[in-house]
């Protein structure tokens, strides 16, 4: 068990820096200092990566028939379905994504 914990910590450190700049901006947007402490950003990033990893793992485990081991949008939505705020935000982001894709397609059509 100790070996697994050390492996997880190593993997977490390996991924550090992936979201640093985005998190700095988000933290500032939510009232933190314009230049937050590096340690604070690292802790928040560790929490974010751990949350994403756990949600991805759960989604893979519960994957629907025919796509076990793969993550699909519906698998993630089913995980947050009981959390109204998370579910509403996820569906809103999916709606906006569809609108952006549609606008890009229309723009490409107009260029031709």
PDB file of N, CA and C in Angstrom:
ATOM      1  N   UNK A   1       0.819  -1.190   0.000  1.00  0.00           N
ATOM      2  CA  UNK A   1       0.000   0.000   0.000  1.00  0.00           C
ATOM      3  C   UNK A   1       0.865   1.257   0.000  1.00  0.00           C
ATOM      4  N   UNK A   2       1.940   1.231   0.748  1.00  0.00           N
ATOM      5  CA  UNK A   2       2.848   2.381   0.805  1.00  0.00           C
ATOM      6  C   UNK A   2       3.428   2.674  -0.578  1.00  0.00           C
ATOM      7  N   UNK A   3       3.743   1.637  -1.324  1.00  0.00           N
ATOM      8  CA  UNK A   3       4.304   1.794  -2.653  1.00  0.00           C
ATOM      9  C   UNK A   3       3.303   2.482  -3.583  1.00  0.00           C
ATOM     10  N   UNK A   4       2.044   2.091  -3.462  1.00  0.00           N
ATOM     11  CA  UNK A   4       1.008   2.704  -4.298  1.00  0.00           C
ATOM     12  C   UNK A   4       0.869   4.187  -3.985  1.00  0.00           C
ATOM     13  N   UNK A   5       0.906   4.540  -2.698  1.00  0.00           N
ATOM     14  CA  UNK A   5       0.786   5.936  -2.300  1.00  0.00           C
ATOM     15  C   UNK A   5       1.950   6.754  -2.850  1.00  0.00           C
ATOM     16  N   UNK A   6       3.155   6.192  -2.780  1.00  0.00           N
ATOM     17  CA  UNK A   6       4.327   6.894  -3.300  1.00  0.00           C
ATOM     18  C   UNK A   6       4.233   7.047  -4.809  1.00  0.00           C
ATOM     19  N   UNK A   7       3.703   6.031  -5.490  1.00  0.00           N
ATOM     20  CA  UNK A   7       3.532   6.104  -6.943  1.00  0.00           C
ATOM     21  C   UNK A   7       2.528   7.188  -7.316  1.00  0.00           C
ATOM     22  N   UNK A   8       1.434   7.291  -6.542  1.00  0.00           N
ATOM     23  CA  UNK A   8       0.429   8.320  -6.795  1.00  0.00           C
ATOM     24  C   UNK A   8       1.012   9.712  -6.567  1.00  0.00           C
ATOM     25  N   UNK A   9       1.800   9.883  -5.513  1.00  0.00           N
ATOM     26  CA  UNK A   9       2.431  11.174  -5.240  1.00  0.00           C
ATOM     27  C   UNK A   9       3.390  11.553  -6.367  1.00  0.00           C
ATOM     28  N   UNK A  10       4.144  10.574  -6.857  1.00  0.00           N
ATOM     29  CA  UNK A  10       5.065  10.826  -7.958  1.00  0.00           C
ATOM     30  C   UNK A  10       4.295  11.267  -9.201  1.00  0.00           C
ATOM     31  N   UNK A  11       3.209  10.570  -9.502  1.00  0.00           N
ATOM     32  CA  UNK A  11       2.405  10.905 -10.674  1.00  0.00           C
ATOM     33  C   UNK A  11       1.812  12.299 -10.535  1.00  0.00           C
ATOM     34  N   UNK A  12       1.403  12.655  -9.329  1.00  0.00           N
ATOM     35  CA  UNK A  12       0.842  13.973  -9.075  1.00  0.00           C
ATOM     36  C   UNK A  12       1.892  15.056  -9.302  1.00  0.00           C
ATOM     37  N   UNK A  13       3.087  14.848  -8.799  1.00  0.00           N
ATOM     38  CA  UNK A  13       4.161  15.816  -8.983  1.00  0.00           C
ATOM     39  C   UNK A  13       4.559  15.927 -10.455  1.00  0.00           C
ATOM     40  N   UNK A  14       4.503  14.805 -11.154  1.00  0.00           N
ATOM     41  CA  UNK A  14       4.861  14.782 -12.570  1.00  0.00           C
ATOM     42  C   UNK A  14       3.904  15.660 -13.379  1.00  0.00           C
ATOM     43  N   UNK A  15       2.653  15.694 -12.965  1.00  0.00           N
ATOM     44  CA  UNK A  15       1.641  16.482 -13.681  1.00  0.00           C
ATOM     45  C   UNK A  15       1.615  17.947 -13.240  1.00  0.00           C
ATOM     46  N   UNK A  16       2.308  18.263 -12.182  1.00  0.00           N
ATOM     47  CA  UNK A  16       2.285  19.632 -11.672  1.00  0.00           C
ATOM     48  C   UNK A  16       2.759  20.595 -12.752  1.00  0.00           C
ATOM     49  N   UNK A  17       2.088  21.718 -12.836  1.00  0.00           N
ATOM     50  CA  UNK A  17       2.426  22.719 -13.839  1.00  0.00           C
ATOM     51  C   UNK A  17       1.468  22.711 -15.012  1.00  0.00           C
ATOM     52  N   UNK A  18       0.656  21.678 -15.099  1.00  0.00           N
ATOM     53  CA  UNK A  18      -0.278  21.528 -16.203  1.00  0.00           C
ATOM     54  C   UNK A  18      -1.336  22.638 -16.214  1.00  0.00           C
ATOM     55  N   UNK A  19      -1.798  23.022 -15.029  1.00  0.00           N
ATOM     56  CA  UNK A  19      -2.862  24.017 -14.917  1.00  0.00           C
ATOM     57  C   UNK A  19      -2.419  25.302 -14.215  1.00  0.00           C
ATOM     58  N   UNK A  20      -1.136  25.460 -13.975  1.00  0.00           N
ATOM     59  CA  UNK A  20      -0.631  26.547 -13.141  1.00  0.00           C
ATOM     60  C   UNK A  20      -1.126  27.919 -13.587  1.00  0.00           C
ATOM     61  N   UNK A  21      -0.908  28.263 -14.837  1.00  0.00           N
ATOM     62  CA  UNK A  21      -1.285  29.610 -15.294  1.00  0.00           C
ATOM     63  C   UNK A  21      -2.791  29.829 -15.241  1.00  0.00           C
ATOM     64  N   UNK A  22      -3.554  28.832 -15.647  1.00  0.00           N
ATOM     65  CA  UNK A  22      -5.011  28.960 -15.596  1.00  0.00           C
ATOM     66  C   UNK A  22      -5.486  29.121 -14.157  1.00  0.00           C
ATOM     67  N   UNK A  23      -4.929  28.335 -13.257  1.00  0.00           N
ATOM     68  CA  UNK A  23      -5.334  28.420 -11.853  1.00  0.00           C
ATOM     69  C   UNK A  23      -4.974  29.773 -11.250  1.00  0.00           C
ATOM     70  N   UNK A  24      -3.840  30.317 -11.620  1.00  0.00           N
ATOM     71  CA  UNK A  24      -3.441  31.636 -11.116  1.00  0.00           C
ATOM     72  C   UNK A  24      -4.493  32.675 -11.509  1.00  0.00           C
ATOM     73  N   UNK A  25      -4.933  32.610 -12.760  1.00  0.00           N
ATOM     74  CA  UNK A  25      -5.952  33.560 -13.245  1.00  0.00           C
ATOM     75  C   UNK A  25      -7.296  33.327 -12.556  1.00  0.00           C
ATOM     76  N   UNK A  26      -7.663  32.071 -12.418  1.00  0.00           N
ATOM     77  CA  UNK A  26      -8.936  31.746 -11.760  1.00  0.00           C
ATOM     78  C   UNK A  26      -8.907  32.218 -10.307  1.00  0.00           C
ATOM     79  N   UNK A  27      -7.806  31.950  -9.624  1.00  0.00           N
ATOM     80  CA  UNK A  27      -7.680  32.364  -8.223  1.00  0.00           C
ATOM     81  C   UNK A  27      -7.774  33.880  -8.110  1.00  0.00           C
ATOM     82  N   UNK A  28      -7.136  34.598  -9.016  1.00  0.00           N
ATOM     83  CA  UNK A  28      -7.210  36.059  -9.003  1.00  0.00           C
ATOM     84  C   UNK A  28      -8.655  36.515  -9.257  1.00  0.00           C
ATOM     85  N   UNK A  29      -9.306  35.852 -10.197  1.00  0.00           N
ATOM     86  CA  UNK A  29     -10.698  36.181 -10.504  1.00  0.00           C
ATOM     87  C   UNK A  29     -11.633  35.966  -9.322  1.00  0.00           C
ATOM     88  N   UNK A  30     -11.275  35.040  -8.451  1.00  0.00           N
ATOM     89  CA  UNK A  30     -12.082  34.768  -7.264  1.00  0.00           C
ATOM     90  C   UNK A  30     -11.573  35.508  -6.030  1.00  0.00           C
ATOM     91  N   UNK A  31     -10.699  36.504  -6.237  1.00  0.00           N
ATOM     92  CA  UNK A  31     -10.340  37.376  -5.123  1.00  0.00           C
ATOM     93  C   UNK A  31      -8.966  37.174  -4.530  1.00  0.00           C
ATOM     94  N   UNK A  32      -8.184  36.256  -5.051  1.00  0.00           N
ATOM     95  CA  UNK A  32      -6.827  36.080  -4.527  1.00  0.00           C
ATOM     96  C   UNK A  32      -5.948  37.206  -5.067  1.00  0.00           C
ATOM     97  N   UNK A  33      -4.727  37.226  -4.616  1.00  0.00           N
ATOM     98  CA  UNK A  33      -3.748  38.203  -5.050  1.00  0.00           C
ATOM     99  C   UNK A  33      -3.462  38.010  -6.542  1.00  0.00           C
ATOM    100  N   UNK A  34      -3.062  39.083  -7.226  1.00  0.00           N
ATOM    101  CA  UNK A  34      -2.740  38.980  -8.652  1.00  0.00           C
ATOM    102  C   UNK A  34      -1.572  38.028  -8.891  1.00  0.00           C
ATOM    103  N   UNK A  35      -0.713  37.895  -7.899  1.00  0.00           N
ATOM    104  CA  UNK A  35       0.418  36.985  -7.986  1.00  0.00           C
ATOM    105  C   UNK A  35       0.405  36.074  -6.758  1.00  0.00           C
ATOM    106  N   UNK A  36      -0.448  35.034  -6.771  1.00  0.00           N
ATOM    107  CA  UNK A  36      -0.570  34.170  -5.588  1.00  0.00           C
ATOM    108  C   UNK A  36       0.720  33.394  -5.322  1.00  0.00           C
ATOM    109  N   UNK A  37       0.881  32.980  -4.082  1.00  0.00           N
ATOM    110  CA  UNK A  37       2.056  32.203  -3.709  1.00  0.00           C
ATOM    111  C   UNK A  37       2.121  30.918  -4.531  1.00  0.00           C
ATOM    112  N   UNK A  38       3.329  30.564  -4.933  1.00  0.00           N
ATOM    113  CA  UNK A  38       3.526  29.353  -5.723  1.00  0.00           C
ATOM    114  C   UNK A  38       3.033  28.120  -4.969  1.00  0.00           C
ATOM    115  N   UNK A  39       3.269  28.089  -3.653  1.00  0.00           N
ATOM    116  CA  UNK A  39       2.838  26.946  -2.846  1.00  0.00           C
ATOM    117  C   UNK A  39       1.319  26.801  -2.856  1.00  0.00           C
ATOM    118  N   UNK A  40       0.624  27.940  -2.814  1.00  0.00           N
ATOM    119  CA  UNK A  40      -0.837  27.915  -2.839  1.00  0.00           C
ATOM    120  C   UNK A  40      -1.342  27.376  -4.167  1.00  0.00           C
ATOM    121  N   UNK A  41      -0.763  27.868  -5.249  1.00  0.00           N
ATOM    122  CA  UNK A  41      -1.155  27.397  -6.581  1.00  0.00           C
ATOM    123  C   UNK A  41      -0.882  25.903  -6.706  1.00  0.00           C
ATOM    124  N   UNK A  42       0.262  25.449  -6.186  1.00  0.00           N
ATOM    125  CA  UNK A  42       0.598  24.023  -6.258  1.00  0.00           C
ATOM    126  C   UNK A  42      -0.401  23.163  -5.492  1.00  0.00           C
ATOM    127  N   UNK A  43      -0.828  23.628  -4.330  1.00  0.00           N
ATOM    128  CA  UNK A  43      -1.797  22.871  -3.538  1.00  0.00           C
ATOM    129  C   UNK A  43      -3.136  22.799  -4.265  1.00  0.00           C
ATOM    130  N   UNK A  44      -3.584  23.935  -4.787  1.00  0.00           N
ATOM    131  CA  UNK A  44      -4.848  23.953  -5.529  1.00  0.00           C
ATOM    132  C   UNK A  44      -4.742  23.053  -6.758  1.00  0.00           C
ATOM    133  N   UNK A  45      -3.608  23.101  -7.437  1.00  0.00           N
ATOM    134  CA  UNK A  45      -3.419  22.256  -8.612  1.00  0.00           C
ATOM    135  C   UNK A  45      -3.439  20.777  -8.239  1.00  0.00           C
ATOM    136  N   UNK A  46      -2.816  20.424  -7.123  1.00  0.00           N
ATOM    137  CA  UNK A  46      -2.859  19.032  -6.659  1.00  0.00           C
ATOM    138  C   UNK A  46      -4.288  18.581  -6.412  1.00  0.00           C
ATOM    139  N   UNK A  47      -5.088  19.454  -5.798  1.00  0.00           N
ATOM    140  CA  UNK A  47      -6.492  19.135  -5.524  1.00  0.00           C
ATOM    141  C   UNK A  47      -7.260  18.950  -6.829  1.00  0.00           C
ATOM    142  N   UNK A  48      -7.039  19.840  -7.785  1.00  0.00           N
ATOM    143  CA  UNK A  48      -7.724  19.768  -9.078  1.00  0.00           C
ATOM    144  C   UNK A  48      -7.355  18.474  -9.809  1.00  0.00           C
ATOM    145  N   UNK A  49      -6.069  18.168  -9.853  1.00  0.00           N
ATOM    146  CA  UNK A  49      -5.620  16.954 -10.549  1.00  0.00           C
ATOM    147  C   UNK A  49      -6.170  15.711  -9.875  1.00  0.00           C
ATOM    148  N   UNK A  50      -6.175  15.702  -8.545  1.00  0.00           N
ATOM    149  CA  UNK A  50      -6.723  14.555  -7.825  1.00  0.00           C
ATOM    150  C   UNK A  50      -8.212  14.388  -8.121  1.00  0.00           C
ATOM    151  N   UNK A  51      -8.951  15.496  -8.139  1.00  0.00           N
ATOM    152  CA  UNK A  51     -10.391  15.443  -8.428  1.00  0.00           C
ATOM    153  C   UNK A  51     -10.633  14.921  -9.844  1.00  0.00           C
ATOM    154  N   UNK A  52      -9.899  15.451 -10.808  1.00  0.00           N
ATOM    155  CA  UNK A  52     -10.060  15.005 -12.197  1.00  0.00           C
ATOM    156  C   UNK A  52      -9.725  13.523 -12.325  1.00  0.00           C
ATOM    157  N   UNK A  53      -8.652  13.100 -11.673  1.00  0.00           N
ATOM    158  CA  UNK A  53      -8.250  11.687 -11.731  1.00  0.00           C
ATOM    159  C   UNK A  53      -9.319  10.786 -11.134  1.00  0.00           C
ATOM    160  N   UNK A  54      -9.851  11.172  -9.986  1.00  0.00           N
ATOM    161  CA  UNK A  54     -10.886  10.358  -9.338  1.00  0.00           C
ATOM    162  C   UNK A  54     -12.147  10.286 -10.190  1.00  0.00           C
ATOM    163  N   UNK A  55     -12.574  11.422 -10.737  1.00  0.00           N
ATOM    164  CA  UNK A  55     -13.788  11.442 -11.557  1.00  0.00           C
ATOM    165  C   UNK A  55     -13.591  10.611 -12.830  1.00  0.00           C
ATOM    166  N   UNK A  56     -12.415  10.717 -13.423  1.00  0.00           N
ATOM    167  CA  UNK A  56     -12.128   9.946 -14.629  1.00  0.00           C
ATOM    168  C   UNK A  56     -12.129   8.457 -14.322  1.00  0.00           C
ATOM    169  N   UNK A  57     -11.509   8.084 -13.212  1.00  0.00           N
ATOM    170  CA  UNK A  57     -11.468   6.677 -12.818  1.00  0.00           C
ATOM    171  C   UNK A  57     -12.878   6.140 -12.584  1.00  0.00           C
ATOM    172  N   UNK A  58     -13.696   6.897 -11.852  1.00  0.00           N
ATOM    173  CA  UNK A  58     -15.077   6.468 -11.594  1.00  0.00           C
ATOM    174  C   UNK A  58     -15.857   6.346 -12.896  1.00  0.00           C
ATOM    175  N   UNK A  59     -15.674   7.295 -13.806  1.00  0.00           N
ATOM    176  CA  UNK A  59     -16.386   7.255 -15.081  1.00  0.00           C
ATOM    177  C   UNK A  59     -15.959   6.039 -15.900  1.00  0.00           C
ATOM    178  N   UNK A  60     -14.678   5.707 -15.863  1.00  0.00           N
ATOM    179  CA  UNK A  60     -14.198   4.528 -16.592  1.00  0.00           C
ATOM    180  C   UNK A  60     -14.760   3.248 -16.000  1.00  0.00           C
ATOM    181  N   UNK A  61     -14.841   3.186 -14.670  1.00  0.00           N
ATOM    182  CA  UNK A  61     -15.344   1.984 -14.002  1.00  0.00           C
ATOM    183  C   UNK A  61     -16.815   1.754 -14.282  1.00  0.00           C
ATOM    184  N   UNK A  62     -17.582   2.818 -14.371  1.00  0.00           N
ATOM    185  CA  UNK A  62     -19.017   2.653 -14.580  1.00  0.00           C
ATOM    186  C   UNK A  62     -19.393   2.721 -16.052  1.00  0.00           C
ATOM    187  N   UNK A  63     -18.404   2.821 -16.914  1.00  0.00           N
ATOM    188  CA  UNK A  63     -18.649   2.956 -18.348  1.00  0.00           C
ATOM    189  C   UNK A  63     -19.739   2.043 -18.851  1.00  0.00           C
ATOM    190  N   UNK A  64     -20.502   2.570 -19.774  1.00  0.00           N
ATOM    191  CA  UNK A  64     -21.601   1.807 -20.348  1.00  0.00           C
ATOM    192  C   UNK A  64     -21.117   0.605 -21.133  1.00  0.00           C
ATOM    193  N   UNK A  65     -22.059  -0.230 -21.501  1.00  0.00           N
ATOM    194  CA  UNK A  65     -21.757  -1.447 -22.252  1.00  0.00           C
ATOM    195  C   UNK A  65     -21.068  -1.080 -23.563  1.00  0.00           C
ATOM    196  N   UNK A  66     -20.000  -1.748 -23.852  1.00  0.00           N
ATOM    197  CA  UNK A  66     -19.303  -1.523 -25.104  1.00  0.00           C
ATOM    198  C   UNK A  66     -18.197  -0.487 -25.040  1.00  0.00           C
ATOM    199  N   UNK A  67     -18.115   0.247 -23.947  1.00  0.00           N
ATOM    200  CA  UNK A  67     -17.010   1.202 -23.846  1.00  0.00           C
ATOM    201  C   UNK A  67     -16.388   1.222 -22.451  1.00  0.00           C
ATOM    202  N   UNK A  68     -16.310   0.066 -21.837  1.00  0.00           N
ATOM    203  CA  UNK A  68     -15.613  -0.046 -20.550  1.00  0.00           C
ATOM    204  C   UNK A  68     -14.171   0.399 -20.726  1.00  0.00           C
ATOM    205  N   UNK A  69     -13.679   1.153 -19.789  1.00  0.00           N
ATOM    206  CA  UNK A  69     -12.298   1.614 -19.848  1.00  0.00           C
ATOM    207  C   UNK A  69     -12.119   2.898 -20.631  1.00  0.00           C
ATOM    208  N   UNK A  70     -13.194   3.418 -21.201  1.00  0.00           N
ATOM    209  CA  UNK A  70     -13.150   4.690 -21.919  1.00  0.00           C
ATOM    210  C   UNK A  70     -14.096   5.654 -21.228  1.00  0.00           C
ATOM    211  N   UNK A  71     -13.771   6.909 -21.296  1.00  0.00           N
ATOM    212  CA  UNK A  71     -14.609   7.925 -20.665  1.00  0.00           C
ATOM    213  C   UNK A  71     -15.449   8.610 -21.737  1.00  0.00           C
ATOM    214  N   UNK A  72     -16.751   8.637 -21.503  1.00  0.00           N
ATOM    215  CA  UNK A  72     -17.681   9.329 -22.387  1.00  0.00           C
ATOM    216  C   UNK A  72     -18.379  10.424 -21.584  1.00  0.00           C
ATOM    217  N   UNK A  73     -18.848  11.418 -22.276  1.00  0.00           N
ATOM    218  CA  UNK A  73     -19.498  12.559 -21.632  1.00  0.00           C
ATOM    219  C   UNK A  73     -20.648  12.095 -20.741  1.00  0.00           C
ATOM    220  N   UNK A  74     -21.446  11.175 -21.227  1.00  0.00           N
ATOM    221  CA  UNK A  74     -22.596  10.707 -20.443  1.00  0.00           C
ATOM    222  C   UNK A  74     -22.169  10.039 -19.138  1.00  0.00           C
ATOM    223  N   UNK A  75     -21.014   9.375 -19.145  1.00  0.00           N
ATOM    224  CA  UNK A  75     -20.503   8.764 -17.916  1.00  0.00           C
ATOM    225  C   UNK A  75     -20.181   9.840 -16.880  1.00  0.00           C
ATOM    226  N   UNK A  76     -19.556  10.917 -17.327  1.00  0.00           N
ATOM    227  CA  UNK A  76     -19.233  12.018 -16.414  1.00  0.00           C
ATOM    228  C   UNK A  76     -20.504  12.716 -15.927  1.00  0.00           C
ATOM    229  N   UNK A  77     -21.447  12.916 -16.833  1.00  0.00           N
ATOM    230  CA  UNK A  77     -22.698  13.558 -16.428  1.00  0.00           C
ATOM    231  C   UNK A  77     -23.441  12.726 -15.391  1.00  0.00           C
ATOM    232  N   UNK A  78     -23.398  11.416 -15.539  1.00  0.00           N
ATOM    233  CA  UNK A  78     -24.094  10.573 -14.564  1.00  0.00           C
ATOM    234  C   UNK A  78     -23.458  10.671 -13.177  1.00  0.00           C
ATOM    235  N   UNK A  79     -22.152  10.966 -13.125  1.00  0.00           N
ATOM    236  CA  UNK A  79     -21.486  11.116 -11.829  1.00  0.00           C
ATOM    237  C   UNK A  79     -21.902  12.394 -11.109  1.00  0.00           C
ATOM    238  N   UNK A  80     -22.232  13.433 -11.856  1.00  0.00           N
ATOM    239  CA  UNK A  80     -22.588  14.715 -11.221  1.00  0.00           C
ATOM    240  C   UNK A  80     -24.101  14.965 -11.218  1.00  0.00           C
ATOM    241  N   UNK A  81     -24.848  14.015 -11.708  1.00  0.00           N
ATOM    242  CA  UNK A  81     -26.302  14.195 -11.830  1.00  0.00           C
ATOM    243  C   UNK A  81     -26.981  14.533 -10.492  1.00  0.00           C
ATOM    244  N   UNK A  82     -26.467  13.988  -9.401  1.00  0.00           N
ATOM    245  CA  UNK A  82     -27.073  14.228  -8.081  1.00  0.00           C
ATOM    246  C   UNK A  82     -26.611  15.535  -7.437  1.00  0.00           C
ATOM    247  N   UNK A  83     -25.751  16.247  -8.118  1.00  0.00           N
ATOM    248  CA  UNK A  83     -25.240  17.527  -7.619  1.00  0.00           C
ATOM    249  C   UNK A  83     -25.740  18.622  -8.560  1.00  0.00           C
ATOM    250  N   UNK A  84     -26.866  19.250  -8.225  1.00  0.00           N
ATOM    251  CA  UNK A  84     -27.521  20.184  -9.152  1.00  0.00           C
ATOM    252  C   UNK A  84     -26.610  21.275  -9.725  1.00  0.00           C
ATOM    253  N   UNK A  85     -25.765  21.873  -8.905  1.00  0.00           N
ATOM    254  CA  UNK A  85     -24.902  22.947  -9.409  1.00  0.00           C
ATOM    255  C   UNK A  85     -23.858  22.404 -10.394  1.00  0.00           C
ATOM    256  N   UNK A  86     -23.252  21.278 -10.067  1.00  0.00           N
ATOM    257  CA  UNK A  86     -22.253  20.692 -10.959  1.00  0.00           C
ATOM    258  C   UNK A  86     -22.910  20.240 -12.269  1.00  0.00           C
ATOM    259  N   UNK A  87     -24.080  19.618 -12.141  1.00  0.00           N
ATOM    260  CA  UNK A  87     -24.772  19.129 -13.319  1.00  0.00           C
ATOM    261  C   UNK A  87     -25.188  20.291 -14.224  1.00  0.00           C
ATOM    262  N   UNK A  88     -25.718  21.344 -13.631  1.00  0.00           N
ATOM    263  CA  UNK A  88     -26.137  22.512 -14.410  1.00  0.00           C
ATOM    264  C   UNK A  88     -24.941  23.141 -15.120  1.00  0.00           C
ATOM    265  N   UNK A  89     -23.828  23.256 -14.426  1.00  0.00           N
ATOM    266  CA  UNK A  89     -22.629  23.847 -15.030  1.00  0.00           C
ATOM    267  C   UNK A  89     -22.102  22.962 -16.160  1.00  0.00           C
ATOM    268  N   UNK A  90     -22.077  21.668 -15.943  1.00  0.00           N
ATOM    269  CA  UNK A  90     -21.583  20.742 -16.971  1.00  0.00           C
ATOM    270  C   UNK A  90     -22.454  20.803 -18.223  1.00  0.00           C
ATOM    271  N   UNK A  91     -23.770  20.795 -18.047  1.00  0.00           N
ATOM    272  CA  UNK A  91     -24.660  20.843 -19.200  1.00  0.00           C
ATOM    273  C   UNK A  91     -24.559  22.196 -19.905  1.00  0.00           C
ATOM    274  N   UNK A  92     -24.366  23.259 -19.136  1.00  0.00           N
ATOM    275  CA  UNK A  92     -24.191  24.584 -19.735  1.00  0.00           C
ATOM    276  C   UNK A  92     -22.910  24.624 -20.576  1.00  0.00           C
ATOM    277  N   UNK A  93     -21.825  24.082 -20.059  1.00  0.00           N
ATOM    278  CA  UNK A  93     -20.569  24.055 -20.811  1.00  0.00           C
ATOM    279  C   UNK A  93     -20.700  23.214 -22.086  1.00  0.00           C
ATOM    280  N   UNK A  94     -21.427  22.123 -22.008  1.00  0.00           N
ATOM    281  CA  UNK A  94     -21.654  21.300 -23.197  1.00  0.00           C
ATOM    282  C   UNK A  94     -22.495  22.057 -24.227  1.00  0.00           C
ATOM    283  N   UNK A  95     -23.494  22.800 -23.769  1.00  0.00           N
ATOM    284  CA  UNK A  95     -24.332  23.587 -24.668  1.00  0.00           C
ATOM    285  C   UNK A  95     -23.500  24.658 -25.369  1.00  0.00           C
ATOM    286  N   UNK A  96     -22.670  25.366 -24.608  1.00  0.00           N
ATOM    287  CA  UNK A  96     -21.815  26.401 -25.184  1.00  0.00           C
ATOM    288  C   UNK A  96     -20.828  25.787 -26.179  1.00  0.00           C
ATOM    289  N   UNK A  97     -20.301  24.615 -25.851  1.00  0.00           N
ATOM    290  CA  UNK A  97     -19.379  23.941 -26.758  1.00  0.00           C
ATOM    291  C   UNK A  97     -20.061  23.622 -28.086  1.00  0.00           C
ATOM    292  N   UNK A  98     -21.305  23.151 -28.021  1.00  0.00           N
ATOM    293  CA  UNK A  98     -22.047  22.868 -29.260  1.00  0.00           C
ATOM    294  C   UNK A  98     -22.268  24.148 -30.065  1.00  0.00           C
ATOM    295  N   UNK A  99     -22.586  25.245 -29.388  1.00  0.00           N
ATOM    296  CA  UNK A  99     -22.801  26.519 -30.074  1.00  0.00           C
ATOM    297  C   UNK A  99     -21.520  27.000 -30.748  1.00  0.00           C
ATOM    298  N   UNK A 100     -20.398  26.855 -30.074  1.00  0.00           N
ATOM    299  CA  UNK A 100     -19.115  27.264 -30.657  1.00  0.00           C
ATOM    300  C   UNK A 100     -18.796  26.426 -31.886  1.00  0.00           C
ATOM    301  N   UNK A 101     -19.004  25.110 -31.786  1.00  0.00           N
ATOM    302  CA  UNK A 101     -18.749  24.231 -32.935  1.00  0.00           C
ATOM    303  C   UNK A 101     -19.638  24.608 -34.113  1.00  0.00           C
ATOM    304  N   UNK A 102     -20.899  24.892 -33.825  1.00  0.00           N
ATOM    305  CA  UNK A 102     -21.843  25.270 -34.879  1.00  0.00           C
ATOM    306  C   UNK A 102     -21.412  26.582 -35.529  1.00  0.00           C
ATOM    307  N   UNK A 103     -21.001  27.557 -34.717  1.00  0.00           N
ATOM    308  CA  UNK A 103     -20.562  28.846 -35.246  1.00  0.00           C
ATOM    309  C   UNK A 103     -19.311  28.684 -36.112  1.00  0.00           C
ATOM    310  N   UNK A 104     -18.391  27.821 -35.694  1.00  0.00           N
ATOM    311  CA  UNK A 104     -17.185  27.570 -36.493  1.00  0.00           C
ATOM    312  C   UNK A 104     -17.541  26.953 -37.841  1.00  0.00           C
ATOM    313  N   UNK A 105     -18.459  25.986 -37.802  1.00  0.00           N
ATOM    314  CA  UNK A 105     -18.880  25.353 -39.051  1.00  0.00           C
ATOM    315  C   UNK A 105     -19.516  26.366 -39.988  1.00  0.00           C
ATOM    316  N   UNK A 106     -20.388  27.231 -39.453  1.00  0.00           N
ATOM    317  CA  UNK A 106     -21.035  28.244 -40.262  1.00  0.00           C
ATOM    318  C   UNK A 106     -20.012  29.224 -40.818  1.00  0.00           C
ATOM    319  N   UNK A 107     -19.020  29.559 -40.010  1.00  0.00           N
ATOM    320  CA  UNK A 107     -17.963  30.466 -40.460  1.00  0.00           C
ATOM    321  C   UNK A 107     -17.165  29.831 -41.590  1.00  0.00           C
ATOM    322  N   UNK A 108     -16.849  28.560 -41.443  1.00  0.00           N
ATOM    323  CA  UNK A 108     -16.101  27.852 -42.494  1.00  0.00           C
ATOM    324  C   UNK A 108     -16.933  27.759 -43.779  1.00  0.00           C
ATOM    325  N   UNK A 109     -18.234  27.516 -43.630  1.00  0.00           N
ATOM    326  CA  UNK A 109     -19.131  27.452 -44.792  1.00  0.00           C
ATOM    327  C   UNK A 109     -19.160  28.796 -45.510  1.00  0.00           C
ATOM    328  N   UNK A 110     -19.207  29.879 -44.730  1.00  0.00           N
ATOM    329  CA  UNK A 110     -19.282  31.216 -45.321  1.00  0.00           C
ATOM    330  C   UNK A 110     -17.986  31.586 -46.037  1.00  0.00           C
ATOM    331  N   UNK A 111     -16.858  31.056 -45.598  1.00  0.00           N
ATOM    332  CA  UNK A 111     -15.576  31.357 -46.225  1.00  0.00           C
ATOM    333  C   UNK A 111     -15.429  30.690 -47.590  1.00  0.00           C
ATOM    334  N   UNK A 112     -16.169  29.613 -47.810  1.00  0.00           N
ATOM    335  CA  UNK A 112     -16.041  28.856 -49.070  1.00  0.00           C
ATOM    336  C   UNK A 112     -16.729  29.523 -50.195  1.00  0.00           C
TER     337      UNK A 112
END
